[in-house]
PDB file of N, CA and C in Angstrom:
ATOM      1  N   MET A   1       8.397  23.365   4.631  1.00  0.00           N
ATOM      2  CA  MET A   1       8.328  21.931   4.463  1.00  0.00           C
ATOM      3  C   MET A   1       7.107  21.408   5.209  1.00  0.00           C
ATOM      4  N   ALA A   2       6.468  20.397   4.661  1.00  0.00           N
ATOM      5  CA  ALA A   2       5.287  19.813   5.269  1.00  0.00           C
ATOM      6  C   ALA A   2       5.646  19.072   6.545  1.00  0.00           C
ATOM      7  N   ALA A   3       4.743  19.132   7.514  1.00  0.00           N
ATOM      8  CA  ALA A   3       4.958  18.419   8.769  1.00  0.00           C
ATOM      9  C   ALA A   3       4.892  16.911   8.560  1.00  0.00           C
ATOM     10  N   SER A   4       4.046  16.474   7.654  1.00  0.00           N
ATOM     11  CA  SER A   4       3.969  15.061   7.309  1.00  0.00           C
ATOM     12  C   SER A   4       3.570  14.944   5.845  1.00  0.00           C
ATOM     13  N   VAL A   5       3.948  13.856   5.252  1.00  0.00           N
ATOM     14  CA  VAL A   5       3.664  13.632   3.838  1.00  0.00           C
ATOM     15  C   VAL A   5       2.948  12.295   3.705  1.00  0.00           C
ATOM     16  N   LEU A   6       1.834  12.323   2.995  1.00  0.00           N
ATOM     17  CA  LEU A   6       1.069  11.116   2.717  1.00  0.00           C
ATOM     18  C   LEU A   6       1.499  10.593   1.348  1.00  0.00           C
ATOM     19  N   VAL A   7       1.911   9.332   1.291  1.00  0.00           N
ATOM     20  CA  VAL A   7       2.377   8.756   0.030  1.00  0.00           C
ATOM     21  C   VAL A   7       1.502   7.578  -0.375  1.00  0.00           C
ATOM     22  N   ASP A   8       1.399   7.400  -1.688  1.00  0.00           N
ATOM     23  CA  ASP A   8       0.636   6.267  -2.213  1.00  0.00           C
ATOM     24  C   ASP A   8       1.596   5.228  -2.784  1.00  0.00           C
ATOM     25  N   ALA A   9       1.024   4.165  -3.311  1.00  0.00           N
ATOM     26  CA  ALA A   9       1.842   3.077  -3.854  1.00  0.00           C
ATOM     27  C   ALA A   9       2.714   3.551  -5.008  1.00  0.00           C
ATOM     28  N   GLY A  10       2.214   4.482  -5.810  1.00  0.00           N
ATOM     29  CA  GLY A  10       2.993   4.978  -6.943  1.00  0.00           C
ATOM     30  C   GLY A  10       4.315   5.583  -6.507  1.00  0.00           C
ATOM     31  N   PHE A  11       4.276   6.381  -5.450  1.00  0.00           N
ATOM     32  CA  PHE A  11       5.514   6.978  -4.931  1.00  0.00           C
ATOM     33  C   PHE A  11       6.454   5.899  -4.413  1.00  0.00           C
ATOM     34  N   ILE A  12       5.912   4.963  -3.633  1.00  0.00           N
ATOM     35  CA  ILE A  12       6.743   3.908  -3.042  1.00  0.00           C
ATOM     36  C   ILE A  12       7.416   3.083  -4.126  1.00  0.00           C
ATOM     37  N   VAL A  13       6.645   2.674  -5.119  1.00  0.00           N
ATOM     38  CA  VAL A  13       7.181   1.851  -6.208  1.00  0.00           C
ATOM     39  C   VAL A  13       8.224   2.634  -7.002  1.00  0.00           C
ATOM     40  N   ALA A  14       7.935   3.888  -7.300  1.00  0.00           N
ATOM     41  CA  ALA A  14       8.890   4.703  -8.067  1.00  0.00           C
ATOM     42  C   ALA A  14      10.166   4.942  -7.263  1.00  0.00           C
ATOM     43  N   LEU A  15      10.044   5.165  -5.966  1.00  0.00           N
ATOM     44  CA  LEU A  15      11.224   5.401  -5.143  1.00  0.00           C
ATOM     45  C   LEU A  15      12.120   4.167  -5.081  1.00  0.00           C
ATOM     46  N   LEU A  16      11.517   3.010  -4.907  1.00  0.00           N
ATOM     47  CA  LEU A  16      12.298   1.785  -4.731  1.00  0.00           C
ATOM     48  C   LEU A  16      12.673   1.106  -6.039  1.00  0.00           C
ATOM     49  N   GLY A  17      11.947   1.417  -7.109  1.00  0.00           N
ATOM     50  CA  GLY A  17      12.223   0.793  -8.394  1.00  0.00           C
ATOM     51  C   GLY A  17      13.109   1.681  -9.252  1.00  0.00           C
ATOM     52  N   ARG A  18      14.384   1.451  -9.229  1.00  0.00           N
ATOM     53  CA  ARG A  18      15.323   2.315  -9.953  1.00  0.00           C
ATOM     54  C   ARG A  18      15.077   2.334 -11.459  1.00  0.00           C
ATOM     55  N   ARG A  19      14.412   1.320 -11.974  1.00  0.00           N
ATOM     56  CA  ARG A  19      14.101   1.287 -13.411  1.00  0.00           C
ATOM     57  C   ARG A  19      12.758   1.946 -13.718  1.00  0.00           C
ATOM     58  N   ASP A  20      12.018   2.309 -12.687  1.00  0.00           N
ATOM     59  CA  ASP A  20      10.726   2.949 -12.880  1.00  0.00           C
ATOM     60  C   ASP A  20      10.921   4.303 -13.557  1.00  0.00           C
ATOM     61  N   ALA A  21      10.053   4.618 -14.492  1.00  0.00           N
ATOM     62  CA  ALA A  21      10.164   5.881 -15.234  1.00  0.00           C
ATOM     63  C   ALA A  21      10.080   7.099 -14.317  1.00  0.00           C
ATOM     64  N   HIS A  22       9.428   6.958 -13.177  1.00  0.00           N
ATOM     65  CA  HIS A  22       9.246   8.082 -12.262  1.00  0.00           C
ATOM     66  C   HIS A  22      10.220   8.065 -11.086  1.00  0.00           C
ATOM     67  N   HIS A  23      11.219   7.186 -11.151  1.00  0.00           N
ATOM     68  CA  HIS A  23      12.193   7.098 -10.059  1.00  0.00           C
ATOM     69  C   HIS A  23      12.913   8.428  -9.800  1.00  0.00           C
ATOM     70  N   PRO A  24      13.394   9.126 -10.823  1.00  0.00           N
ATOM     71  CA  PRO A  24      14.082  10.404 -10.543  1.00  0.00           C
ATOM     72  C   PRO A  24      13.183  11.406  -9.814  1.00  0.00           C
ATOM     73  N   TRP A  25      11.923  11.470 -10.204  1.00  0.00           N
ATOM     74  CA  TRP A  25      10.986  12.370  -9.538  1.00  0.00           C
ATOM     75  C   TRP A  25      10.794  11.965  -8.076  1.00  0.00           C
ATOM     76  N   ALA A  26      10.571  10.663  -7.840  1.00  0.00           N
ATOM     77  CA  ALA A  26      10.352  10.182  -6.472  1.00  0.00           C
ATOM     78  C   ALA A  26      11.581  10.420  -5.607  1.00  0.00           C
ATOM     79  N   ALA A  27      12.757  10.190  -6.149  1.00  0.00           N
ATOM     80  CA  ALA A  27      13.992  10.424  -5.390  1.00  0.00           C
ATOM     81  C   ALA A  27      14.141  11.904  -5.052  1.00  0.00           C
ATOM     82  N   ALA A  28      13.798  12.777  -5.991  1.00  0.00           N
ATOM     83  CA  ALA A  28      13.868  14.213  -5.729  1.00  0.00           C
ATOM     84  C   ALA A  28      12.874  14.616  -4.651  1.00  0.00           C
ATOM     85  N   GLN A  29      11.667  14.065  -4.704  1.00  0.00           N
ATOM     86  CA  GLN A  29      10.654  14.373  -3.682  1.00  0.00           C
ATOM     87  C   GLN A  29      11.094  13.860  -2.319  1.00  0.00           C
ATOM     88  N   ALA A  30      11.699  12.681  -2.294  1.00  0.00           N
ATOM     89  CA  ALA A  30      12.180  12.117  -1.033  1.00  0.00           C
ATOM     90  C   ALA A  30      13.249  13.009  -0.413  1.00  0.00           C
ATOM     91  N   GLY A  31      14.059  13.632  -1.248  1.00  0.00           N
ATOM     92  CA  GLY A  31      15.080  14.547  -0.747  1.00  0.00           C
ATOM     93  C   GLY A  31      14.488  15.837  -0.205  1.00  0.00           C
ATOM     94  N   GLN A  32      13.405  16.291  -0.796  1.00  0.00           N
ATOM     95  CA  GLN A  32      12.756  17.531  -0.354  1.00  0.00           C
ATOM     96  C   GLN A  32      11.823  17.308   0.828  1.00  0.00           C
ATOM     97  N   HIS A  33      11.294  16.105   0.949  1.00  0.00           N
ATOM     98  CA  HIS A  33      10.341  15.769   2.015  1.00  0.00           C
ATOM     99  C   HIS A  33      10.822  14.498   2.700  1.00  0.00           C
ATOM    100  N   PRO A  34      11.757  14.630   3.627  1.00  0.00           N
ATOM    101  CA  PRO A  34      12.352  13.442   4.243  1.00  0.00           C
ATOM    102  C   PRO A  34      11.334  12.662   5.077  1.00  0.00           C
ATOM    103  N   PRO A  35      11.629  11.395   5.323  1.00  0.00           N
ATOM    104  CA  PRO A  35      10.740  10.563   6.130  1.00  0.00           C
ATOM    105  C   PRO A  35      10.621  11.114   7.561  1.00  0.00           C
ATOM    106  N   PRO A  36       9.608  10.660   8.253  1.00  0.00           N
ATOM    107  CA  PRO A  36       8.735   9.545   7.903  1.00  0.00           C
ATOM    108  C   PRO A  36       7.631   9.961   6.944  1.00  0.00           C
ATOM    109  N   TRP A  37       7.306   9.024   6.041  1.00  0.00           N
ATOM    110  CA  TRP A  37       6.208   9.200   5.117  1.00  0.00           C
ATOM    111  C   TRP A  37       5.045   8.367   5.632  1.00  0.00           C
ATOM    112  N   ARG A  38       3.852   8.905   5.515  1.00  0.00           N
ATOM    113  CA  ARG A  38       2.663   8.199   5.982  1.00  0.00           C
ATOM    114  C   ARG A  38       1.945   7.565   4.804  1.00  0.00           C
ATOM    115  N   THR A  39       1.363   6.399   5.070  1.00  0.00           N
ATOM    116  CA  THR A  39       0.625   5.681   4.035  1.00  0.00           C
ATOM    117  C   THR A  39      -0.490   4.886   4.690  1.00  0.00           C
ATOM    118  N   CYS A  40      -1.125   4.016   3.934  1.00  0.00           N
ATOM    119  CA  CYS A  40      -2.183   3.163   4.477  1.00  0.00           C
ATOM    120  C   CYS A  40      -1.922   1.720   4.035  1.00  0.00           C
ATOM    121  N   GLU A  41      -2.675   0.803   4.642  1.00  0.00           N
ATOM    122  CA  GLU A  41      -2.482  -0.611   4.324  1.00  0.00           C
ATOM    123  C   GLU A  41      -2.732  -0.912   2.846  1.00  0.00           C
ATOM    124  N   ALA A  42      -3.714  -0.247   2.256  1.00  0.00           N
ATOM    125  CA  ALA A  42      -4.017  -0.501   0.844  1.00  0.00           C
ATOM    126  C   ALA A  42      -2.832  -0.126  -0.044  1.00  0.00           C
ATOM    127  N   ALA A  43      -2.196   0.999   0.236  1.00  0.00           N
ATOM    128  CA  ALA A  43      -1.032   1.418  -0.553  1.00  0.00           C
ATOM    129  C   ALA A  43       0.126   0.453  -0.348  1.00  0.00           C
ATOM    130  N   LEU A  44       0.311  -0.021   0.873  1.00  0.00           N
ATOM    131  CA  LEU A  44       1.380  -0.993   1.130  1.00  0.00           C
ATOM    132  C   LEU A  44       1.119  -2.290   0.375  1.00  0.00           C
ATOM    133  N   SER A  45      -0.117  -2.749   0.416  1.00  0.00           N
ATOM    134  CA  SER A  45      -0.468  -3.978  -0.291  1.00  0.00           C
ATOM    135  C   SER A  45      -0.206  -3.847  -1.786  1.00  0.00           C
ATOM    136  N   GLU A  46      -0.601  -2.718  -2.357  1.00  0.00           N
ATOM    137  CA  GLU A  46      -0.369  -2.491  -3.783  1.00  0.00           C
ATOM    138  C   GLU A  46       1.127  -2.416  -4.092  1.00  0.00           C
ATOM    139  N   ALA A  47       1.879  -1.729  -3.251  1.00  0.00           N
ATOM    140  CA  ALA A  47       3.327  -1.609  -3.464  1.00  0.00           C
ATOM    141  C   ALA A  47       4.004  -2.973  -3.382  1.00  0.00           C
ATOM    142  N   PHE A  48       3.634  -3.775  -2.376  1.00  0.00           N
ATOM    143  CA  PHE A  48       4.195  -5.128  -2.274  1.00  0.00           C
ATOM    144  C   PHE A  48       3.902  -5.916  -3.546  1.00  0.00           C
ATOM    145  N   HIS A  49       2.679  -5.825  -4.035  1.00  0.00           N
ATOM    146  CA  HIS A  49       2.295  -6.555  -5.246  1.00  0.00           C
ATOM    147  C   HIS A  49       3.092  -6.076  -6.459  1.00  0.00           C
ATOM    148  N   LEU A  50       3.163  -4.758  -6.648  1.00  0.00           N
ATOM    149  CA  LEU A  50       3.842  -4.219  -7.830  1.00  0.00           C
ATOM    150  C   LEU A  50       5.354  -4.435  -7.798  1.00  0.00           C
ATOM    151  N   LEU A  51       5.950  -4.368  -6.624  1.00  0.00           N
ATOM    152  CA  LEU A  51       7.396  -4.559  -6.525  1.00  0.00           C
ATOM    153  C   LEU A  51       7.788  -6.023  -6.627  1.00  0.00           C
ATOM    154  N   GLY A  52       6.904  -6.912  -6.200  1.00  0.00           N
ATOM    155  CA  GLY A  52       7.194  -8.335  -6.244  1.00  0.00           C
ATOM    156  C   GLY A  52       8.217  -8.735  -5.197  1.00  0.00           C
ATOM    157  N   PRO A  53       8.581 -10.006  -5.199  1.00  0.00           N
ATOM    158  CA  PRO A  53       9.510 -10.521  -4.191  1.00  0.00           C
ATOM    159  C   PRO A  53      10.855  -9.792  -4.162  1.00  0.00           C
ATOM    160  N   SER A  54      11.317  -9.326  -5.302  1.00  0.00           N
ATOM    161  CA  SER A  54      12.626  -8.651  -5.320  1.00  0.00           C
ATOM    162  C   SER A  54      12.577  -7.301  -4.609  1.00  0.00           C
ATOM    163  N   GLY A  55      11.398  -6.710  -4.502  1.00  0.00           N
ATOM    164  CA  GLY A  55      11.274  -5.420  -3.825  1.00  0.00           C
ATOM    165  C   GLY A  55      11.018  -5.521  -2.341  1.00  0.00           C
ATOM    166  N   LEU A  56      10.747  -6.730  -1.860  1.00  0.00           N
ATOM    167  CA  LEU A  56      10.425  -6.929  -0.452  1.00  0.00           C
ATOM    168  C   LEU A  56      11.501  -6.415   0.505  1.00  0.00           C
ATOM    169  N   PRO A  57      12.784  -6.719   0.296  1.00  0.00           N
ATOM    170  CA  PRO A  57      13.782  -6.246   1.262  1.00  0.00           C
ATOM    171  C   PRO A  57      13.806  -4.719   1.411  1.00  0.00           C
ATOM    172  N   ALA A  58      13.718  -3.998   0.318  1.00  0.00           N
ATOM    173  CA  ALA A  58      13.781  -2.538   0.400  1.00  0.00           C
ATOM    174  C   ALA A  58      12.535  -1.966   1.069  1.00  0.00           C
ATOM    175  N   LEU A  59      11.372  -2.510   0.742  1.00  0.00           N
ATOM    176  CA  LEU A  59      10.130  -2.028   1.352  1.00  0.00           C
ATOM    177  C   LEU A  59      10.104  -2.384   2.832  1.00  0.00           C
ATOM    178  N   ALA A  60      10.531  -3.583   3.169  1.00  0.00           N
ATOM    179  CA  ALA A  60      10.596  -3.999   4.567  1.00  0.00           C
ATOM    180  C   ALA A  60      11.551  -3.102   5.354  1.00  0.00           C
ATOM    181  N   ALA A  61      12.646  -2.713   4.737  1.00  0.00           N
ATOM    182  CA  ALA A  61      13.611  -1.843   5.413  1.00  0.00           C
ATOM    183  C   ALA A  61      13.002  -0.479   5.728  1.00  0.00           C
ATOM    184  N   LEU A  62      12.232   0.077   4.794  1.00  0.00           N
ATOM    185  CA  LEU A  62      11.561   1.357   5.052  1.00  0.00           C
ATOM    186  C   LEU A  62      10.614   1.237   6.238  1.00  0.00           C
ATOM    187  N   LEU A  63       9.880   0.136   6.295  1.00  0.00           N
ATOM    188  CA  LEU A  63       8.930  -0.070   7.389  1.00  0.00           C
ATOM    189  C   LEU A  63       9.640  -0.299   8.715  1.00  0.00           C
ATOM    190  N   ARG A  64      10.671  -1.117   8.700  1.00  0.00           N
ATOM    191  CA  ARG A  64      11.388  -1.437   9.947  1.00  0.00           C
ATOM    192  C   ARG A  64      12.061  -0.223  10.571  1.00  0.00           C
ATOM    193  N   ARG A  65      12.587   0.655   9.745  1.00  0.00           N
ATOM    194  CA  ARG A  65      13.279   1.820  10.315  1.00  0.00           C
ATOM    195  C   ARG A  65      12.337   3.001  10.565  1.00  0.00           C
ATOM    196  N   GLY A  66      11.061   2.825  10.256  1.00  0.00           N
ATOM    197  CA  GLY A  66      10.078   3.864  10.540  1.00  0.00           C
ATOM    198  C   GLY A  66      10.034   4.979   9.513  1.00  0.00           C
ATOM    199  N   ALA A  67      10.669   4.771   8.353  1.00  0.00           N
ATOM    200  CA  ALA A  67      10.640   5.786   7.301  1.00  0.00           C
ATOM    201  C   ALA A  67       9.268   5.804   6.623  1.00  0.00           C
ATOM    202  N   LEU A  68       8.566   4.695   6.692  1.00  0.00           N
ATOM    203  CA  LEU A  68       7.234   4.559   6.122  1.00  0.00           C
ATOM    204  C   LEU A  68       6.334   4.035   7.229  1.00  0.00           C
ATOM    205  N   THR A  69       5.285   4.782   7.548  1.00  0.00           N
ATOM    206  CA  THR A  69       4.394   4.385   8.636  1.00  0.00           C
ATOM    207  C   THR A  69       2.948   4.371   8.169  1.00  0.00           C
ATOM    208  N   VAL A  70       2.176   3.489   8.760  1.00  0.00           N
ATOM    209  CA  VAL A  70       0.751   3.434   8.468  1.00  0.00           C
ATOM    210  C   VAL A  70       0.064   4.452   9.367  1.00  0.00           C
ATOM    211  N   ALA A  71      -0.618   5.414   8.745  1.00  0.00           N
ATOM    212  CA  ALA A  71      -1.163   6.546   9.489  1.00  0.00           C
ATOM    213  C   ALA A  71      -2.677   6.597   9.489  1.00  0.00           C
ATOM    214  N   PHE A  72      -3.331   5.591   8.954  1.00  0.00           N
ATOM    215  CA  PHE A  72      -4.781   5.630   8.876  1.00  0.00           C
ATOM    216  C   PHE A  72      -5.344   4.287   9.277  1.00  0.00           C
ATOM    217  N   ASP A  73      -6.295   4.309  10.186  1.00  0.00           N
ATOM    218  CA  ASP A  73      -6.980   3.109  10.613  1.00  0.00           C
ATOM    219  C   ASP A  73      -8.470   3.324  10.368  1.00  0.00           C
ATOM    220  N   LEU A  74      -9.013   2.613   9.418  1.00  0.00           N
ATOM    221  CA  LEU A  74     -10.418   2.797   9.056  1.00  0.00           C
ATOM    222  C   LEU A  74     -11.340   2.593  10.251  1.00  0.00           C
ATOM    223  N   ASP A  75     -11.013   1.651  11.114  1.00  0.00           N
ATOM    224  CA  ASP A  75     -11.846   1.414  12.284  1.00  0.00           C
ATOM    225  C   ASP A  75     -12.052   2.673  13.125  1.00  0.00           C
ATOM    226  N   ASP A  76     -11.058   3.526  13.145  1.00  0.00           N
ATOM    227  CA  ASP A  76     -11.154   4.769  13.925  1.00  0.00           C
ATOM    228  C   ASP A  76     -11.898   5.883  13.201  1.00  0.00           C
ATOM    229  N   HIS A  77     -12.180   5.680  11.917  1.00  0.00           N
ATOM    230  CA  HIS A  77     -12.775   6.758  11.113  1.00  0.00           C
ATOM    231  C   HIS A  77     -13.926   6.295  10.222  1.00  0.00           C
ATOM    232  N   VAL A  78     -14.601   5.230  10.589  1.00  0.00           N
ATOM    233  CA  VAL A  78     -15.633   4.681   9.723  1.00  0.00           C
ATOM    234  C   VAL A  78     -16.726   5.701   9.414  1.00  0.00           C
ATOM    235  N   GLU A  79     -17.279   6.330  10.416  1.00  0.00           N
ATOM    236  CA  GLU A  79     -18.385   7.252  10.181  1.00  0.00           C
ATOM    237  C   GLU A  79     -18.001   8.443   9.308  1.00  0.00           C
ATOM    238  N   PRO A  80     -16.882   9.116   9.588  1.00  0.00           N
ATOM    239  CA  PRO A  80     -16.525  10.230   8.682  1.00  0.00           C
ATOM    240  C   PRO A  80     -16.281   9.770   7.247  1.00  0.00           C
ATOM    241  N   VAL A  81     -15.717   8.594   7.060  1.00  0.00           N
ATOM    242  CA  VAL A  81     -15.468   8.072   5.714  1.00  0.00           C
ATOM    243  C   VAL A  81     -16.788   7.787   5.013  1.00  0.00           C
ATOM    244  N   LEU A  82     -17.722   7.171   5.749  1.00  0.00           N
ATOM    245  CA  LEU A  82     -19.015   6.847   5.138  1.00  0.00           C
ATOM    246  C   LEU A  82     -19.816   8.094   4.855  1.00  0.00           C
TER     247      LEU A  82
END
């Protein structure tokens, strides 16, 4: 099992959106790779947008309990990124 897993907005939206076509896949991956999952601010912003207001409670719950954490700070890595 991986020590940490990096997730994008697609995974977050599919996991929380039970009607999403990829929800079964995301749920299976979540079972195989338990939290905490690492992400970035851009992925969170996209997930918030795609889920809309109805998805806010579930996404907020993942963040509050530490199941989803922001693991990248561009300020700390500007030169390698550039």
